[in-house]
Amino acid sequence: MYGLIGKIIAISGCRDELIGILIDATGDMPGCLSYIIARDVVDENAVWITEVWDSQASHAASLSLPAVQQAVTLGRPLMAGFGERIVTDPVGGYSGPLQR
């Protein structure tokens, strides 16, 4: 398995719009076991994404999906930058349905 935890910094006032774009793009990504988008509770502009994939190859392939490409195009103007990016080796856990 392959995991990533990453931080995106939105332009001030654009975090929720960016989150909406990310949520809309993550419905059908082959090999994705979990893709969680979360607001940072301290930084009002930060978004955390926690991903678990069946393989690094599946993650790489997802970057060429039309929905992901569209999210990149729509989301990039709302991003001020990136924070930490951590690669992990998932070993277990649970990811159930989340409500928007």
C-alpha atoms as a PDB file:
ATOM      1  CA  MET A   1       0.000   0.000   0.000  1.00  0.00           C
ATOM      2  CA  TYR A   2       0.971   3.628  -0.410  1.00  0.00           C
ATOM      3  CA  GLY A   3      -0.062   6.602   1.702  1.00  0.00           C
ATOM      4  CA  LEU A   4       0.282  10.356   1.573  1.00  0.00           C
ATOM      5  CA  ILE A   5      -0.530  13.126   4.004  1.00  0.00           C
ATOM      6  CA  GLY A   6      -0.304  16.587   2.523  1.00  0.00           C
ATOM      7  CA  LYS A   7      -1.125  20.156   3.392  1.00  0.00           C
ATOM      8  CA  ILE A   8      -2.447  22.718   0.912  1.00  0.00           C
ATOM      9  CA  ILE A   9      -2.595  26.391   1.809  1.00  0.00           C
ATOM     10  CA  ALA A  10      -5.539  28.167   0.183  1.00  0.00           C
ATOM     11  CA  ILE A  11      -5.615  31.832  -0.681  1.00  0.00           C
ATOM     12  CA  SER A  12      -7.292  33.687   2.183  1.00  0.00           C
ATOM     13  CA  GLY A  13     -11.060  33.241   2.024  1.00  0.00           C
ATOM     14  CA  CYS A  14     -10.924  30.477  -0.614  1.00  0.00           C
ATOM     15  CA  ARG A  15     -10.472  27.361   1.547  1.00  0.00           C
ATOM     16  CA  ASP A  16     -14.078  26.118   1.392  1.00  0.00           C
ATOM     17  CA  GLU A  17     -14.247  26.641  -2.369  1.00  0.00           C
ATOM     18  CA  LEU A  18     -11.025  24.657  -2.770  1.00  0.00           C
ATOM     19  CA  ILE A  19     -12.370  21.900  -0.523  1.00  0.00           C
ATOM     20  CA  GLY A  20     -15.515  21.679  -2.669  1.00  0.00           C
ATOM     21  CA  ILE A  21     -13.418  21.228  -5.806  1.00  0.00           C
ATOM     22  CA  LEU A  22     -11.336  18.513  -4.152  1.00  0.00           C
ATOM     23  CA  ILE A  23     -14.395  16.656  -2.875  1.00  0.00           C
ATOM     24  CA  ASP A  24     -16.064  16.742  -6.298  1.00  0.00           C
ATOM     25  CA  ALA A  25     -12.952  15.246  -7.941  1.00  0.00           C
ATOM     26  CA  THR A  26     -12.473  12.296  -5.623  1.00  0.00           C
ATOM     27  CA  GLY A  27     -15.470  10.098  -6.341  1.00  0.00           C
ATOM     28  CA  ASP A  28     -14.006   7.408  -8.580  1.00  0.00           C
ATOM     29  CA  MET A  29     -10.269   6.880  -8.407  1.00  0.00           C
ATOM     30  CA  PRO A  30      -9.248   3.269  -9.104  1.00  0.00           C
ATOM     31  CA  GLY A  31      -6.970   1.929  -6.389  1.00  0.00           C
ATOM     32  CA  CYS A  32      -7.900   4.622  -3.870  1.00  0.00           C
ATOM     33  CA  LEU A  33      -8.826   3.050  -0.545  1.00  0.00           C
ATOM     34  CA  SER A  34      -9.239   6.289   1.384  1.00  0.00           C
ATOM     35  CA  TYR A  35      -9.101   9.996   0.498  1.00  0.00           C
ATOM     36  CA  ILE A  36      -9.917  12.287   3.400  1.00  0.00           C
ATOM     37  CA  ILE A  37     -10.057  16.064   3.060  1.00  0.00           C
ATOM     38  CA  ALA A  38      -9.990  18.009   6.327  1.00  0.00           C
ATOM     39  CA  ARG A  39      -9.893  21.622   7.483  1.00  0.00           C
ATOM     40  CA  ASP A  40      -6.979  22.571   9.716  1.00  0.00           C
ATOM     41  CA  VAL A  41      -8.488  23.721  13.031  1.00  0.00           C
ATOM     42  CA  VAL A  42      -5.755  26.305  13.685  1.00  0.00           C
ATOM     43  CA  ASP A  43      -4.902  27.720  10.249  1.00  0.00           C
ATOM     44  CA  GLU A  44      -8.074  29.016   8.567  1.00  0.00           C
ATOM     45  CA  ASN A  45      -6.443  28.678   5.131  1.00  0.00           C
ATOM     46  CA  ALA A  46      -5.016  25.156   5.453  1.00  0.00           C
ATOM     47  CA  VAL A  47      -6.429  21.907   4.104  1.00  0.00           C
ATOM     48  CA  TRP A  48      -5.077  18.446   4.971  1.00  0.00           C
ATOM     49  CA  ILE A  49      -5.449  15.500   2.609  1.00  0.00           C
ATOM     50  CA  THR A  50      -4.845  11.972   3.855  1.00  0.00           C
ATOM     51  CA  GLU A  51      -4.700   9.339   1.111  1.00  0.00           C
ATOM     52  CA  VAL A  52      -4.363   5.555   1.092  1.00  0.00           C
ATOM     53  CA  TRP A  53      -3.825   3.724  -2.188  1.00  0.00           C
ATOM     54  CA  ASP A  54      -3.395   0.072  -3.085  1.00  0.00           C
ATOM     55  CA  SER A  55      -0.072   1.017  -4.730  1.00  0.00           C
ATOM     56  CA  GLN A  56       2.107   3.958  -5.674  1.00  0.00           C
ATOM     57  CA  ALA A  57       1.316   3.164  -9.325  1.00  0.00           C
ATOM     58  CA  SER A  58      -2.424   3.657  -8.706  1.00  0.00           C
ATOM     59  CA  HIS A  59      -1.720   7.030  -7.128  1.00  0.00           C
ATOM     60  CA  ALA A  60       0.435   8.075 -10.079  1.00  0.00           C
ATOM     61  CA  ALA A  61      -2.236   6.908 -12.553  1.00  0.00           C
ATOM     62  CA  SER A  62      -4.905   8.935 -10.735  1.00  0.00           C
ATOM     63  CA  LEU A  63      -3.133  12.150 -11.669  1.00  0.00           C
ATOM     64  CA  SER A  64      -4.127  11.630 -15.311  1.00  0.00           C
ATOM     65  CA  LEU A  65      -7.839  11.039 -14.616  1.00  0.00           C
ATOM     66  CA  PRO A  66     -10.072  13.711 -16.227  1.00  0.00           C
ATOM     67  CA  ALA A  67     -11.771  14.587 -12.912  1.00  0.00           C
ATOM     68  CA  VAL A  68      -8.401  15.023 -11.189  1.00  0.00           C
ATOM     69  CA  GLN A  69      -7.044  17.108 -14.062  1.00  0.00           C
ATOM     70  CA  GLN A  70     -10.140  19.313 -13.888  1.00  0.00           C
ATOM     71  CA  ALA A  71      -9.702  19.725 -10.122  1.00  0.00           C
ATOM     72  CA  VAL A  72      -6.102  20.792 -10.651  1.00  0.00           C
ATOM     73  CA  THR A  73      -7.165  23.342 -13.261  1.00  0.00           C
ATOM     74  CA  LEU A  74      -9.953  24.744 -11.089  1.00  0.00           C
ATOM     75  CA  GLY A  75      -8.129  24.515  -7.770  1.00  0.00           C
ATOM     76  CA  ARG A  76      -4.670  25.851  -8.630  1.00  0.00           C
ATOM     77  CA  PRO A  77      -5.784  29.531  -8.732  1.00  0.00           C
ATOM     78  CA  LEU A  78      -7.179  29.103  -5.195  1.00  0.00           C
ATOM     79  CA  MET A  79      -3.896  27.771  -3.783  1.00  0.00           C
ATOM     80  CA  ALA A  80      -1.306  29.958  -2.106  1.00  0.00           C
ATOM     81  CA  GLY A  81       1.102  27.058  -1.673  1.00  0.00           C
ATOM     82  CA  PHE A  82       1.831  23.723  -0.103  1.00  0.00           C
ATOM     83  CA  GLY A  83       2.962  22.682   3.355  1.00  0.00           C
ATOM     84  CA  GLU A  84       4.185  19.332   4.569  1.00  0.00           C
ATOM     85  CA  ARG A  85       4.025  16.237   2.363  1.00  0.00           C
ATOM     86  CA  ILE A  86       4.588  12.933   4.068  1.00  0.00           C
ATOM     87  CA  VAL A  87       4.734   9.517   2.398  1.00  0.00           C
ATOM     88  CA  THR A  88       3.463   6.699   4.622  1.00  0.00           C
ATOM     89  CA  ASP A  89       3.241   2.910   4.544  1.00  0.00           C
ATOM     90  CA  PRO A  90      -0.346   2.112   5.648  1.00  0.00           C
ATOM     91  CA  VAL A  91      -0.696  -1.113   7.599  1.00  0.00           C
ATOM     92  CA  GLY A  92      -4.361  -1.154   8.597  1.00  0.00           C
ATOM     93  CA  GLY A  93      -7.322   0.772   9.920  1.00  0.00           C
ATOM     94  CA  TYR A  94     -10.761   1.813   8.793  1.00  0.00           C
ATOM     95  CA  SER A  95     -12.178   4.374   6.413  1.00  0.00           C
ATOM     96  CA  GLY A  96     -15.947   4.461   6.375  1.00  0.00           C
ATOM     97  CA  PRO A  97     -18.282   6.769   4.528  1.00  0.00           C
ATOM     98  CA  LEU A  98     -18.100  10.462   5.289  1.00  0.00           C
ATOM     99  CA  GLN A  99     -20.803  13.018   4.745  1.00  0.00           C
ATOM    100  CA  ARG A 100     -20.085  16.317   3.047  1.00  0.00           C
END
